[in-house]
Amino acid sequence: MELSSGAPPEFDYLFKLLLIGDSGVGKSSLLLSFTSDTFEDLSPTIGVDFKVKHVSVGGKKLKLAIWDTAGQERFRTLTSSYYRGAQGIIMVYDVTRRDTFTNLSDIWAKEIDRYSTNEDCIKMLVGNKVDKESERVVSKKEGIDFAREYGCLFIECSAKTRVNVEQCFEELVLKILETPSLLAEGSAGVKKNIFKQKPPESDASTSSCC
């Protein structure tokens, strides 16, 4: 994947990607590692943050709007509206924390079913923090089995060492590019602005409605 140095004004497709998972699994670090090639131990995200990345994949110029959601339960009702229109959803867990993996099926997969508006939306399962191999409690096979059951792509990576970080986003985007309904939705010709969504505060009262 070629990462463009500037921010070109033109692009072929605009895709909205969403990062979800428990607090502390490394969603923000993963996003920072991908968009700025650096790693930081970040404090928990409050509400929702997003970054934009211009990339070239398969000969197409893409503009990726990547939304980073708060993992803490108290913010969850505020973030439900951010599932709308997402072509790709990245579910992140920490390979050294078993609860972050079990919560994928107990909480996060159910959230996708409830709030996602694209039935063809591509899901990617990401096991983060493989740099802590000696502390691993979730095996790679368990990740593969979960991904197979839920129809997800799967990759293990490390936001810290950047192992597989670029591949994670590249594989997800390539799969979106192979999905005609998502491609039509992300076309640059479609008039929409996925950046101007209601602020979380005003959405709290309507967050259960899709």
Foldseek 3Di string as FASTA:
>chain_A
DDFDPDDDPDFFFEAEEEEAFAWPLCQVLLVCCQAPVAGDRDDFDDAKDWDWGWDAAPNGIYIYIYMYGGRDPVNVLLCLQLLERHQEYEYEGEQLDPVRVVCCVVPVLVSCVQRHPDPNRAYEYEHEDCVVVVSGDHDPVNQVVVCVVSVHHYDYYYSHVGRCSNVRVRVNVVVLVVDVVSSVSGGPPDDDDSVDDDRSVVCSVVSNPD
